[in-house]
Amino acid sequence: MSKGAQIEQESFDIIRAGLRRSFSEAELAIVQRVIHASGDFSFEDNIRFHPRAIEAGIEAIREGKDILVDVHMVQAGINKRLLEHFGGEVLCYISEPDVAVEASRLSLTRSECAIMRAFSVAANIGIVAIGNAPTALLKLLEIVSDVSTFFTAGGRTSPPDLIVGIPVGFVKAEESKDLLLASRYPFITSVGKKGGSSIAAATVNALLKLSAEE
């Protein structure tokens, strides 16, 4: 085991020893990686899992589906080597020139338009991971609530298998996550204002690690 891996494992042991809540082993793998990425034990209390979330995420990864993210910081943090092993890739449309043009034309955020763009061109999205933009999560929930979207956009026949919705902020962050909690789609989220790109990426990386286990 490398020195870096030893330090990471020691950190995970410290986190595990400091937890008060009980989690399944799969949930614990995600919680400890999130706390490790943030240095914040409050995620122990804030994190929420849909009953099928982890199973759905692992299935999507193992089936070689892609991961859509809201911003490049989430994209940068995901273990793409491990994802590529399963045949998937990380998609991010926030910097597409036509996304900026469309955002200006429609008076929407670039994050909203990037999500709209993704579902008009990408047909293999298994997980959507949002760590920065509450408006992206709100737009995503609007899209997945419209069943007709998945018969017209990109040849899709179903919504994403899992939504990792952990945007951070003071404007619409809590509201967007509350709506996700009330939705019928498998999700991983954190209640309140806390979240962020590193938290979304850590969650996805934990799912990738779980997917690689027998």
N, C-alpha and C. Protein backbone atom coordinates (compact mmCIF):
# COMPACT_ATOMS: atom_id res chain seq x y z
N MET A 1 0.84 -1.20 0.00
CA MET A 1 0.00 0.00 0.00
C MET A 1 0.88 1.25 0.00
N SER A 2 0.58 2.18 -0.87
CA SER A 2 1.39 3.40 -0.95
C SER A 2 1.17 4.27 0.28
N LYS A 3 2.10 5.24 0.47
CA LYS A 3 1.99 6.14 1.62
C LYS A 3 0.68 6.92 1.57
N GLY A 4 0.31 7.38 0.36
CA GLY A 4 -0.94 8.12 0.22
C GLY A 4 -2.14 7.28 0.58
N ALA A 5 -2.13 6.01 0.14
CA ALA A 5 -3.24 5.11 0.45
C ALA A 5 -3.31 4.83 1.95
N GLN A 6 -2.15 4.74 2.58
CA GLN A 6 -2.11 4.51 4.03
C GLN A 6 -2.74 5.69 4.78
N ILE A 7 -2.40 6.90 4.34
CA ILE A 7 -2.95 8.10 4.99
C ILE A 7 -4.47 8.16 4.79
N GLU A 8 -4.91 7.85 3.57
CA GLU A 8 -6.36 7.84 3.30
C GLU A 8 -7.06 6.83 4.19
N GLN A 9 -6.50 5.63 4.29
CA GLN A 9 -7.13 4.60 5.11
C GLN A 9 -7.16 5.00 6.58
N GLU A 10 -6.09 5.62 7.06
CA GLU A 10 -6.07 6.09 8.44
C GLU A 10 -7.15 7.15 8.66
N SER A 11 -7.33 8.03 7.68
CA SER A 11 -8.37 9.05 7.76
C SER A 11 -9.75 8.40 7.83
N PHE A 12 -9.97 7.40 6.99
CA PHE A 12 -11.26 6.70 6.99
C PHE A 12 -11.51 6.01 8.33
N ASP A 13 -10.47 5.44 8.91
CA ASP A 13 -10.62 4.79 10.22
C ASP A 13 -11.01 5.81 11.30
N ILE A 14 -10.41 6.99 11.24
CA ILE A 14 -10.74 8.05 12.20
C ILE A 14 -12.20 8.49 12.01
N ILE A 15 -12.59 8.65 10.75
CA ILE A 15 -13.97 9.07 10.46
C ILE A 15 -14.96 8.02 10.95
N ARG A 16 -14.68 6.76 10.65
CA ARG A 16 -15.58 5.68 11.06
C ARG A 16 -15.74 5.65 12.58
N ALA A 17 -14.64 5.86 13.29
CA ALA A 17 -14.68 5.84 14.75
C ALA A 17 -15.45 7.03 15.32
N GLY A 18 -15.52 8.12 14.56
CA GLY A 18 -16.17 9.32 15.07
C GLY A 18 -17.64 9.44 14.73
N LEU A 19 -18.16 8.49 13.93
CA LEU A 19 -19.56 8.56 13.53
C LEU A 19 -20.49 8.13 14.67
N ARG A 20 -21.64 8.78 14.73
CA ARG A 20 -22.65 8.44 15.74
C ARG A 20 -23.80 7.65 15.14
N ARG A 21 -24.14 7.93 13.90
CA ARG A 21 -25.26 7.25 13.23
C ARG A 21 -24.82 5.91 12.66
N SER A 22 -25.80 5.04 12.48
CA SER A 22 -25.53 3.76 11.85
C SER A 22 -25.84 3.84 10.36
N PHE A 23 -24.96 3.30 9.55
CA PHE A 23 -25.15 3.25 8.11
C PHE A 23 -24.88 1.83 7.63
N SER A 24 -25.48 1.49 6.51
CA SER A 24 -25.08 0.24 5.86
C SER A 24 -23.63 0.39 5.39
N GLU A 25 -22.99 -0.72 5.06
CA GLU A 25 -21.60 -0.64 4.63
C GLU A 25 -21.46 0.18 3.35
N ALA A 26 -22.42 0.05 2.45
CA ALA A 26 -22.36 0.82 1.21
C ALA A 26 -22.58 2.30 1.48
N GLU A 27 -23.54 2.63 2.34
CA GLU A 27 -23.76 4.04 2.71
C GLU A 27 -22.53 4.60 3.42
N LEU A 28 -21.94 3.80 4.28
CA LEU A 28 -20.76 4.24 5.01
C LEU A 28 -19.61 4.57 4.06
N ALA A 29 -19.47 3.79 3.00
CA ALA A 29 -18.41 4.05 2.02
C ALA A 29 -18.55 5.44 1.43
N ILE A 30 -19.80 5.87 1.22
CA ILE A 30 -20.05 7.20 0.67
C ILE A 30 -19.89 8.27 1.73
N VAL A 31 -20.46 8.04 2.91
CA VAL A 31 -20.40 9.04 3.98
C VAL A 31 -18.96 9.35 4.37
N GLN A 32 -18.14 8.32 4.54
CA GLN A 32 -16.77 8.58 4.98
C GLN A 32 -15.96 9.30 3.90
N ARG A 33 -16.26 9.02 2.62
CA ARG A 33 -15.53 9.72 1.56
C ARG A 33 -15.98 11.18 1.47
N VAL A 34 -17.27 11.43 1.71
CA VAL A 34 -17.78 12.80 1.72
C VAL A 34 -17.16 13.59 2.87
N ILE A 35 -17.12 13.00 4.05
CA ILE A 35 -16.53 13.68 5.20
C ILE A 35 -15.03 13.88 4.98
N HIS A 36 -14.38 12.90 4.38
CA HIS A 36 -12.95 13.03 4.08
C HIS A 36 -12.69 14.19 3.12
N ALA A 37 -13.57 14.36 2.14
CA ALA A 37 -13.40 15.43 1.14
C ALA A 37 -13.67 16.81 1.72
N SER A 38 -14.54 16.86 2.74
CA SER A 38 -14.97 18.15 3.28
C SER A 38 -14.36 18.49 4.64
N GLY A 39 -13.91 17.47 5.37
CA GLY A 39 -13.46 17.70 6.74
C GLY A 39 -14.60 18.09 7.66
N ASP A 40 -15.81 17.74 7.28
CA ASP A 40 -17.00 18.22 7.98
C ASP A 40 -17.88 17.04 8.40
N PHE A 41 -17.90 16.77 9.69
CA PHE A 41 -18.69 15.65 10.21
C PHE A 41 -20.19 15.92 10.16
N SER A 42 -20.61 17.16 9.90
CA SER A 42 -22.04 17.45 9.86
C SER A 42 -22.73 16.73 8.70
N PHE A 43 -21.97 16.29 7.70
CA PHE A 43 -22.59 15.54 6.60
C PHE A 43 -23.15 14.21 7.09
N GLU A 44 -22.65 13.73 8.23
CA GLU A 44 -23.23 12.53 8.83
C GLU A 44 -24.73 12.71 9.08
N ASP A 45 -25.11 13.90 9.50
CA ASP A 45 -26.51 14.19 9.81
C ASP A 45 -27.27 14.69 8.58
N ASN A 46 -26.57 15.29 7.63
CA ASN A 46 -27.24 15.95 6.50
C ASN A 46 -27.51 15.04 5.31
N ILE A 47 -26.74 13.98 5.16
CA ILE A 47 -26.83 13.18 3.95
C ILE A 47 -28.09 12.32 3.96
N ARG A 48 -28.69 12.17 2.77
CA ARG A 48 -29.91 11.38 2.63
C ARG A 48 -29.77 10.44 1.43
N PHE A 49 -30.25 9.21 1.61
CA PHE A 49 -30.19 8.20 0.56
C PHE A 49 -31.59 7.69 0.24
N HIS A 50 -31.97 7.72 -1.02
CA HIS A 50 -33.14 6.98 -1.46
C HIS A 50 -32.85 5.49 -1.26
N PRO A 51 -33.86 4.67 -0.92
CA PRO A 51 -33.60 3.24 -0.66
C PRO A 51 -32.90 2.51 -1.80
N ARG A 52 -33.11 2.94 -3.05
CA ARG A 52 -32.50 2.26 -4.19
C ARG A 52 -31.30 3.03 -4.77
N ALA A 53 -30.88 4.07 -4.10
CA ALA A 53 -29.87 4.96 -4.68
C ALA A 53 -28.57 4.26 -5.01
N ILE A 54 -28.00 3.59 -4.06
CA ILE A 54 -26.68 2.99 -4.27
C ILE A 54 -26.76 1.86 -5.28
N GLU A 55 -27.78 1.02 -5.16
CA GLU A 55 -27.98 -0.06 -6.11
C GLU A 55 -28.13 0.48 -7.53
N ALA A 56 -28.92 1.55 -7.67
CA ALA A 56 -29.15 2.13 -9.00
C ALA A 56 -27.87 2.73 -9.57
N GLY A 57 -27.09 3.41 -8.72
CA GLY A 57 -25.85 4.00 -9.17
C GLY A 57 -24.84 2.97 -9.62
N ILE A 58 -24.71 1.89 -8.86
CA ILE A 58 -23.77 0.83 -9.20
C ILE A 58 -24.19 0.16 -10.51
N GLU A 59 -25.48 -0.10 -10.66
CA GLU A 59 -25.97 -0.72 -11.90
C GLU A 59 -25.66 0.17 -13.11
N ALA A 60 -25.88 1.47 -12.96
CA ALA A 60 -25.62 2.38 -14.08
C ALA A 60 -24.15 2.38 -14.46
N ILE A 61 -23.28 2.41 -13.47
CA ILE A 61 -21.84 2.42 -13.73
C ILE A 61 -21.41 1.13 -14.41
N ARG A 62 -21.86 0.00 -13.88
CA ARG A 62 -21.46 -1.29 -14.43
C ARG A 62 -22.02 -1.53 -15.83
N GLU A 63 -23.10 -0.85 -16.16
CA GLU A 63 -23.66 -0.96 -17.51
C GLU A 63 -22.99 -0.02 -18.50
N GLY A 64 -21.97 0.71 -18.04
CA GLY A 64 -21.20 1.58 -18.93
C GLY A 64 -21.89 2.88 -19.27
N LYS A 65 -22.82 3.31 -18.43
CA LYS A 65 -23.52 4.56 -18.70
C LYS A 65 -22.65 5.76 -18.31
N ASP A 66 -22.99 6.92 -18.89
CA ASP A 66 -22.22 8.14 -18.66
C ASP A 66 -22.71 8.88 -17.41
N ILE A 67 -21.86 9.78 -16.94
CA ILE A 67 -22.19 10.62 -15.78
C ILE A 67 -22.21 12.07 -16.26
N LEU A 68 -23.36 12.70 -16.10
CA LEU A 68 -23.51 14.12 -16.45
C LEU A 68 -23.29 14.97 -15.21
N VAL A 69 -22.48 16.03 -15.34
CA VAL A 69 -22.22 16.92 -14.21
C VAL A 69 -22.57 18.35 -14.59
N ASP A 70 -22.77 19.19 -13.56
CA ASP A 70 -23.19 20.57 -13.84
C ASP A 70 -22.02 21.49 -14.15
N VAL A 71 -20.86 21.24 -13.54
CA VAL A 71 -19.71 22.15 -13.73
C VAL A 71 -18.42 21.35 -13.86
N HIS A 72 -17.39 22.02 -14.37
CA HIS A 72 -16.11 21.34 -14.61
C HIS A 72 -15.41 20.93 -13.31
N MET A 73 -15.70 21.60 -12.21
CA MET A 73 -15.06 21.21 -10.95
C MET A 73 -15.51 19.81 -10.51
N VAL A 74 -16.78 19.49 -10.74
CA VAL A 74 -17.23 18.13 -10.45
C VAL A 74 -16.57 17.15 -11.43
N GLN A 75 -16.54 17.53 -12.68
CA GLN A 75 -15.92 16.69 -13.71
C GLN A 75 -14.46 16.39 -13.36
N ALA A 76 -13.74 17.41 -12.91
CA ALA A 76 -12.31 17.25 -12.60
C ALA A 76 -12.09 16.31 -11.42
N GLY A 77 -13.03 16.27 -10.50
CA GLY A 77 -12.85 15.48 -9.28
C GLY A 77 -13.21 14.01 -9.42
N ILE A 78 -13.87 13.63 -10.50
CA ILE A 78 -14.31 12.24 -10.67
C ILE A 78 -13.17 11.38 -11.22
N ASN A 79 -13.07 10.17 -10.70
CA ASN A 79 -12.03 9.23 -11.13
C ASN A 79 -12.39 8.68 -12.52
N LYS A 80 -11.93 9.37 -13.54
CA LYS A 80 -12.31 9.00 -14.90
C LYS A 80 -11.66 7.70 -15.35
N ARG A 81 -10.48 7.40 -14.83
CA ARG A 81 -9.83 6.12 -15.19
C ARG A 81 -10.70 4.95 -14.78
N LEU A 82 -11.25 5.03 -13.57
CA LEU A 82 -12.10 3.95 -13.08
C LEU A 82 -13.42 3.89 -13.85
N LEU A 83 -13.97 5.06 -14.17
CA LEU A 83 -15.21 5.09 -14.94
C LEU A 83 -15.01 4.52 -16.33
N GLU A 84 -13.89 4.87 -16.96
CA GLU A 84 -13.60 4.38 -18.31
C GLU A 84 -13.45 2.86 -18.33
N HIS A 85 -13.03 2.28 -17.22
CA HIS A 85 -12.93 0.82 -17.11
C HIS A 85 -14.27 0.16 -17.39
N PHE A 86 -15.35 0.84 -17.01
CA PHE A 86 -16.69 0.30 -17.23
C PHE A 86 -17.28 0.75 -18.57
N GLY A 87 -16.61 1.67 -19.25
CA GLY A 87 -17.07 2.12 -20.56
C GLY A 87 -17.80 3.45 -20.56
N GLY A 88 -17.91 4.10 -19.42
CA GLY A 88 -18.60 5.39 -19.34
C GLY A 88 -17.65 6.57 -19.42
N GLU A 89 -18.23 7.75 -19.56
CA GLU A 89 -17.45 8.98 -19.54
C GLU A 89 -18.20 10.07 -18.79
N VAL A 90 -17.48 11.12 -18.42
CA VAL A 90 -18.08 12.25 -17.71
C VAL A 90 -18.42 13.33 -18.73
N LEU A 91 -19.68 13.78 -18.69
CA LEU A 91 -20.17 14.79 -19.63
C LEU A 91 -20.41 16.10 -18.91
N CYS A 92 -19.99 17.21 -19.53
CA CYS A 92 -20.26 18.54 -18.99
C CYS A 92 -20.41 19.50 -20.16
N TYR A 93 -21.53 20.22 -20.18
CA TYR A 93 -21.84 21.09 -21.31
C TYR A 93 -21.83 22.57 -20.95
N ILE A 94 -21.37 22.90 -19.74
CA ILE A 94 -21.46 24.26 -19.23
C ILE A 94 -20.68 25.26 -20.09
N SER A 95 -19.60 24.82 -20.75
CA SER A 95 -18.76 25.74 -21.52
C SER A 95 -19.04 25.72 -23.01
N GLU A 96 -20.06 24.98 -23.44
CA GLU A 96 -20.41 24.96 -24.86
C GLU A 96 -20.86 26.35 -25.31
N PRO A 97 -20.32 26.86 -26.42
CA PRO A 97 -20.69 28.20 -26.87
C PRO A 97 -22.19 28.40 -27.07
N ASP A 98 -22.87 27.38 -27.61
CA ASP A 98 -24.30 27.54 -27.86
C ASP A 98 -25.10 27.53 -26.57
N VAL A 99 -24.54 26.98 -25.51
CA VAL A 99 -25.21 27.01 -24.20
C VAL A 99 -25.25 28.44 -23.67
N ALA A 100 -24.15 29.17 -23.79
CA ALA A 100 -24.12 30.57 -23.36
C ALA A 100 -25.09 31.41 -24.18
N VAL A 101 -25.14 31.16 -25.48
CA VAL A 101 -26.05 31.91 -26.36
C VAL A 101 -27.50 31.63 -25.97
N GLU A 102 -27.82 30.37 -25.73
CA GLU A 102 -29.18 29.99 -25.39
C GLU A 102 -29.57 30.54 -24.02
N ALA A 103 -28.64 30.55 -23.08
CA ALA A 103 -28.92 31.10 -21.75
C ALA A 103 -29.29 32.58 -21.84
N SER A 104 -28.56 33.32 -22.67
CA SER A 104 -28.86 34.74 -22.85
C SER A 104 -30.21 34.93 -23.53
N ARG A 105 -30.49 34.11 -24.52
CA ARG A 105 -31.74 34.24 -25.28
C ARG A 105 -32.95 33.94 -24.42
N LEU A 106 -32.83 32.93 -23.55
CA LEU A 106 -33.97 32.48 -22.74
C LEU A 106 -33.99 33.09 -21.34
N SER A 107 -32.98 33.90 -21.02
CA SER A 107 -32.85 34.49 -19.67
C SER A 107 -32.80 33.40 -18.60
N LEU A 108 -32.00 32.36 -18.87
CA LEU A 108 -31.76 31.28 -17.94
C LEU A 108 -30.29 31.26 -17.56
N THR A 109 -29.94 30.49 -16.53
CA THR A 109 -28.53 30.33 -16.20
C THR A 109 -27.88 29.37 -17.19
N ARG A 110 -26.58 29.47 -17.32
CA ARG A 110 -25.86 28.54 -18.19
C ARG A 110 -26.02 27.11 -17.69
N SER A 111 -26.10 26.95 -16.36
CA SER A 111 -26.26 25.61 -15.79
C SER A 111 -27.58 24.98 -16.22
N GLU A 112 -28.64 25.78 -16.23
CA GLU A 112 -29.93 25.28 -16.69
C GLU A 112 -29.85 24.84 -18.15
N CYS A 113 -29.28 25.70 -18.96
CA CYS A 113 -29.20 25.40 -20.39
C CYS A 113 -28.26 24.23 -20.67
N ALA A 114 -27.24 24.05 -19.85
CA ALA A 114 -26.33 22.92 -20.02
C ALA A 114 -27.05 21.60 -19.77
N ILE A 115 -27.93 21.59 -18.77
CA ILE A 115 -28.71 20.39 -18.49
C ILE A 115 -29.68 20.13 -19.64
N MET A 116 -30.33 21.19 -20.13
CA MET A 116 -31.23 21.04 -21.27
C MET A 116 -30.48 20.51 -22.49
N ARG A 117 -29.30 21.05 -22.72
CA ARG A 117 -28.48 20.62 -23.86
C ARG A 117 -28.14 19.14 -23.75
N ALA A 118 -27.77 18.71 -22.55
CA ALA A 118 -27.37 17.31 -22.34
C ALA A 118 -28.47 16.35 -22.75
N PHE A 119 -29.70 16.67 -22.36
CA PHE A 119 -30.79 15.75 -22.64
C PHE A 119 -31.33 15.88 -24.06
N SER A 120 -30.74 16.78 -24.83
CA SER A 120 -31.10 16.86 -26.25
C SER A 120 -30.09 16.14 -27.13
N VAL A 121 -28.91 15.82 -26.57
CA VAL A 121 -27.86 15.22 -27.40
C VAL A 121 -27.29 13.92 -26.85
N ALA A 122 -27.43 13.66 -25.56
CA ALA A 122 -26.81 12.49 -24.94
C ALA A 122 -27.86 11.43 -24.65
N ALA A 123 -27.58 10.18 -25.04
CA ALA A 123 -28.58 9.11 -24.90
C ALA A 123 -28.20 8.07 -23.87
N ASN A 124 -27.08 8.25 -23.18
CA ASN A 124 -26.60 7.19 -22.29
C ASN A 124 -26.28 7.71 -20.89
N ILE A 125 -27.07 8.66 -20.40
CA ILE A 125 -26.81 9.24 -19.08
C ILE A 125 -27.39 8.34 -18.00
N GLY A 126 -26.51 7.83 -17.14
CA GLY A 126 -26.96 6.98 -16.05
C GLY A 126 -27.05 7.70 -14.73
N ILE A 127 -26.10 8.61 -14.48
CA ILE A 127 -26.05 9.38 -13.24
C ILE A 127 -25.91 10.85 -13.58
N VAL A 128 -26.65 11.69 -12.88
CA VAL A 128 -26.44 13.13 -12.97
C VAL A 128 -25.93 13.59 -11.61
N ALA A 129 -24.78 14.25 -11.59
CA ALA A 129 -24.16 14.71 -10.35
C ALA A 129 -24.07 16.23 -10.36
N ILE A 130 -24.80 16.86 -9.45
CA ILE A 130 -24.85 18.33 -9.39
C ILE A 130 -24.30 18.78 -8.04
N GLY A 131 -23.22 19.56 -8.09
CA GLY A 131 -22.58 19.98 -6.85
C GLY A 131 -22.50 21.48 -6.67
N ASN A 132 -22.85 22.22 -7.72
CA ASN A 132 -22.65 23.67 -7.65
C ASN A 132 -23.93 24.48 -7.85
N ALA A 133 -24.73 24.11 -8.83
CA ALA A 133 -25.81 24.99 -9.29
C ALA A 133 -27.20 24.47 -8.91
N PRO A 134 -27.86 25.10 -7.95
CA PRO A 134 -29.24 24.71 -7.63
C PRO A 134 -30.17 24.82 -8.84
N THR A 135 -29.93 25.81 -9.70
CA THR A 135 -30.80 25.95 -10.87
C THR A 135 -30.68 24.75 -11.80
N ALA A 136 -29.51 24.13 -11.84
CA ALA A 136 -29.33 22.93 -12.66
C ALA A 136 -30.16 21.79 -12.10
N LEU A 137 -30.19 21.66 -10.78
CA LEU A 137 -31.00 20.60 -10.17
C LEU A 137 -32.48 20.85 -10.39
N LEU A 138 -32.91 22.09 -10.26
CA LEU A 138 -34.32 22.42 -10.50
C LEU A 138 -34.71 22.12 -11.95
N LYS A 139 -33.84 22.48 -12.88
CA LYS A 139 -34.13 22.20 -14.30
C LYS A 139 -34.16 20.69 -14.56
N LEU A 140 -33.24 19.97 -13.94
CA LEU A 140 -33.21 18.52 -14.09
C LEU A 140 -34.52 17.89 -13.61
N LEU A 141 -34.98 18.32 -12.44
CA LEU A 141 -36.23 17.77 -11.90
C LEU A 141 -37.41 18.11 -12.79
N GLU A 142 -37.36 19.28 -13.41
CA GLU A 142 -38.40 19.66 -14.36
C GLU A 142 -38.38 18.73 -15.58
N ILE A 143 -37.18 18.43 -16.06
CA ILE A 143 -37.04 17.57 -17.24
C ILE A 143 -37.49 16.15 -16.94
N VAL A 144 -37.05 15.58 -15.83
CA VAL A 144 -37.38 14.18 -15.55
C VAL A 144 -38.85 14.01 -15.20
N SER A 145 -39.53 15.09 -14.82
CA SER A 145 -40.95 14.98 -14.51
C SER A 145 -41.80 14.91 -15.77
N ASP A 146 -41.20 15.24 -16.92
CA ASP A 146 -41.91 15.21 -18.20
C ASP A 146 -41.55 13.93 -18.93
N VAL A 147 -42.42 12.94 -18.83
CA VAL A 147 -42.14 11.62 -19.41
C VAL A 147 -41.86 11.72 -20.91
N SER A 148 -42.53 12.64 -21.60
CA SER A 148 -42.36 12.74 -23.05
C SER A 148 -40.94 13.07 -23.45
N THR A 149 -40.18 13.71 -22.53
CA THR A 149 -38.78 14.04 -22.82
C THR A 149 -38.01 12.80 -23.24
N PHE A 150 -38.30 11.69 -22.62
CA PHE A 150 -37.47 10.51 -22.81
C PHE A 150 -37.90 9.64 -23.98
N PHE A 151 -38.83 10.17 -24.75
CA PHE A 151 -39.20 9.52 -26.00
C PHE A 151 -38.82 10.39 -27.20
N THR A 152 -38.29 11.58 -26.92
CA THR A 152 -37.97 12.49 -28.01
C THR A 152 -36.53 12.97 -27.99
N ALA A 153 -35.90 13.01 -26.84
CA ALA A 153 -34.56 13.59 -26.73
C ALA A 153 -33.48 12.53 -26.80
N GLY A 154 -32.68 12.58 -27.83
CA GLY A 154 -31.51 11.71 -27.92
C GLY A 154 -31.82 10.24 -27.97
N GLY A 155 -33.05 9.87 -28.27
CA GLY A 155 -33.40 8.46 -28.35
C GLY A 155 -33.54 7.78 -27.00
N ARG A 156 -33.62 8.55 -25.92
CA ARG A 156 -33.73 7.98 -24.59
C ARG A 156 -35.10 7.35 -24.38
N THR A 157 -35.15 6.37 -23.50
CA THR A 157 -36.43 5.77 -23.13
C THR A 157 -36.66 5.82 -21.63
N SER A 158 -35.73 6.35 -20.88
CA SER A 158 -35.90 6.40 -19.43
C SER A 158 -35.09 7.55 -18.85
N PRO A 159 -35.48 8.04 -17.67
CA PRO A 159 -34.71 9.10 -17.01
C PRO A 159 -33.41 8.54 -16.45
N PRO A 160 -32.54 9.39 -15.89
CA PRO A 160 -31.30 8.89 -15.28
C PRO A 160 -31.60 7.88 -14.18
N ASP A 161 -30.68 6.96 -13.97
CA ASP A 161 -30.86 5.95 -12.93
C ASP A 161 -30.70 6.54 -11.54
N LEU A 162 -29.85 7.57 -11.41
CA LEU A 162 -29.56 8.15 -10.09
C LEU A 162 -29.28 9.64 -10.24
N ILE A 163 -29.82 10.42 -9.30
CA ILE A 163 -29.51 11.84 -9.22
C ILE A 163 -28.71 12.09 -7.95
N VAL A 164 -27.49 12.54 -8.11
CA VAL A 164 -26.67 13.00 -6.97
C VAL A 164 -26.82 14.51 -6.95
N GLY A 165 -27.72 15.00 -6.11
CA GLY A 165 -28.04 16.42 -6.09
C GLY A 165 -27.57 17.06 -4.80
N ILE A 166 -26.37 17.68 -4.86
CA ILE A 166 -25.77 18.25 -3.65
C ILE A 166 -25.26 19.67 -3.92
N PRO A 167 -26.11 20.53 -4.50
CA PRO A 167 -25.64 21.90 -4.75
C PRO A 167 -25.46 22.67 -3.44
N VAL A 168 -24.56 23.62 -3.48
CA VAL A 168 -24.25 24.43 -2.31
C VAL A 168 -24.77 25.83 -2.52
N GLY A 169 -25.14 26.53 -1.44
CA GLY A 169 -25.49 27.93 -1.61
C GLY A 169 -26.64 28.40 -0.74
N PHE A 170 -26.96 29.69 -0.91
CA PHE A 170 -27.99 30.34 -0.11
C PHE A 170 -29.25 30.65 -0.91
N VAL A 171 -29.17 30.54 -2.23
CA VAL A 171 -30.32 30.84 -3.08
C VAL A 171 -30.73 29.57 -3.81
N LYS A 172 -31.87 29.04 -3.44
CA LYS A 172 -32.50 27.88 -4.07
C LYS A 172 -31.82 26.54 -3.80
N ALA A 173 -30.72 26.54 -3.05
CA ALA A 173 -30.04 25.27 -2.78
C ALA A 173 -30.90 24.36 -1.92
N GLU A 174 -31.39 24.89 -0.80
CA GLU A 174 -32.25 24.08 0.08
C GLU A 174 -33.52 23.67 -0.63
N GLU A 175 -34.13 24.63 -1.35
CA GLU A 175 -35.39 24.35 -2.02
C GLU A 175 -35.23 23.25 -3.07
N SER A 176 -34.14 23.31 -3.83
CA SER A 176 -33.94 22.31 -4.88
C SER A 176 -33.75 20.92 -4.27
N LYS A 177 -33.02 20.85 -3.16
CA LYS A 177 -32.79 19.55 -2.52
C LYS A 177 -34.06 19.03 -1.85
N ASP A 178 -34.89 19.91 -1.33
CA ASP A 178 -36.17 19.49 -0.76
C ASP A 178 -37.05 18.88 -1.84
N LEU A 179 -37.04 19.47 -3.02
CA LEU A 179 -37.82 18.93 -4.14
C LEU A 179 -37.28 17.56 -4.56
N LEU A 180 -35.97 17.42 -4.55
CA LEU A 180 -35.37 16.13 -4.88
C LEU A 180 -35.77 15.07 -3.87
N LEU A 181 -35.76 15.44 -2.59
CA LEU A 181 -36.17 14.51 -1.53
C LEU A 181 -37.60 14.03 -1.72
N ALA A 182 -38.44 14.90 -2.25
CA ALA A 182 -39.85 14.58 -2.43
C ALA A 182 -40.13 13.87 -3.75
N SER A 183 -39.11 13.73 -4.59
CA SER A 183 -39.31 13.12 -5.90
C SER A 183 -39.30 11.60 -5.78
N ARG A 184 -39.65 10.93 -6.88
CA ARG A 184 -39.71 9.47 -6.87
C ARG A 184 -38.47 8.83 -7.49
N TYR A 185 -37.48 9.64 -7.82
CA TYR A 185 -36.30 9.12 -8.48
C TYR A 185 -35.21 8.79 -7.45
N PRO A 186 -34.45 7.71 -7.66
CA PRO A 186 -33.33 7.42 -6.76
C PRO A 186 -32.40 8.61 -6.64
N PHE A 187 -32.04 8.99 -5.43
CA PHE A 187 -31.22 10.18 -5.20
C PHE A 187 -30.26 9.96 -4.05
N ILE A 188 -29.20 10.75 -4.06
CA ILE A 188 -28.34 10.99 -2.90
C ILE A 188 -28.24 12.50 -2.78
N THR A 189 -28.53 13.03 -1.59
CA THR A 189 -28.50 14.47 -1.41
C THR A 189 -28.10 14.80 0.02
N SER A 190 -27.98 16.09 0.30
CA SER A 190 -27.72 16.56 1.66
C SER A 190 -28.67 17.71 1.93
N VAL A 191 -29.35 17.65 3.05
CA VAL A 191 -30.30 18.71 3.36
C VAL A 191 -29.55 19.97 3.79
N GLY A 192 -30.21 21.12 3.63
CA GLY A 192 -29.61 22.38 4.05
C GLY A 192 -28.78 23.03 2.96
N LYS A 193 -27.96 23.98 3.36
CA LYS A 193 -27.18 24.78 2.42
C LYS A 193 -25.87 24.13 1.98
N LYS A 194 -25.39 23.17 2.77
CA LYS A 194 -24.07 22.60 2.49
C LYS A 194 -24.11 21.64 1.31
N GLY A 195 -22.99 21.60 0.62
CA GLY A 195 -22.82 20.73 -0.55
C GLY A 195 -21.55 21.15 -1.25
N GLY A 196 -21.53 21.05 -2.56
CA GLY A 196 -20.38 21.53 -3.30
C GLY A 196 -19.86 20.52 -4.30
N SER A 197 -19.02 21.00 -5.19
CA SER A 197 -18.47 20.16 -6.26
C SER A 197 -17.64 19.01 -5.71
N SER A 198 -16.84 19.28 -4.68
CA SER A 198 -16.01 18.20 -4.12
C SER A 198 -16.87 17.13 -3.47
N ILE A 199 -18.01 17.51 -2.92
CA ILE A 199 -18.89 16.56 -2.27
C ILE A 199 -19.58 15.69 -3.32
N ALA A 200 -20.05 16.30 -4.39
CA ALA A 200 -20.66 15.54 -5.47
C ALA A 200 -19.66 14.56 -6.09
N ALA A 201 -18.43 15.03 -6.32
CA ALA A 201 -17.40 14.17 -6.91
C ALA A 201 -17.04 13.03 -5.95
N ALA A 202 -16.94 13.32 -4.67
CA ALA A 202 -16.61 12.29 -3.69
C ALA A 202 -17.69 11.22 -3.65
N THR A 203 -18.95 11.63 -3.77
CA THR A 203 -20.05 10.67 -3.78
C THR A 203 -19.95 9.75 -4.99
N VAL A 204 -19.70 10.32 -6.15
CA VAL A 204 -19.57 9.52 -7.36
C VAL A 204 -18.36 8.59 -7.26
N ASN A 205 -17.25 9.08 -6.73
CA ASN A 205 -16.06 8.25 -6.60
C ASN A 205 -16.29 7.07 -5.67
N ALA A 206 -17.07 7.29 -4.60
CA ALA A 206 -17.41 6.18 -3.71
C ALA A 206 -18.25 5.14 -4.45
N LEU A 207 -19.16 5.58 -5.29
CA LEU A 207 -19.97 4.66 -6.08
C LEU A 207 -19.09 3.89 -7.08
N LEU A 208 -18.11 4.59 -7.66
CA LEU A 208 -17.18 3.91 -8.57
C LEU A 208 -16.37 2.83 -7.86
N LYS A 209 -15.91 3.13 -6.66
CA LYS A 209 -15.16 2.16 -5.86
C LYS A 209 -16.03 0.96 -5.52
N LEU A 210 -17.29 1.23 -5.13
CA LEU A 210 -18.21 0.14 -4.82
C LEU A 210 -18.48 -0.71 -6.06
N SER A 211 -18.58 -0.06 -7.21
CA SER A 211 -18.84 -0.78 -8.46
C SER A 211 -17.70 -1.70 -8.83
N ALA A 212 -16.50 -1.33 -8.44
CA ALA A 212 -15.32 -2.12 -8.79
C ALA A 212 -15.13 -3.31 -7.87
N GLU A 213 -15.85 -3.34 -6.76
CA GLU A 213 -15.74 -4.45 -5.82
C GLU A 213 -16.59 -5.62 -6.32
N GLU A 214 -16.14 -6.82 -5.99
CA GLU A 214 -16.91 -8.00 -6.38
C GLU A 214 -18.18 -8.08 -5.53
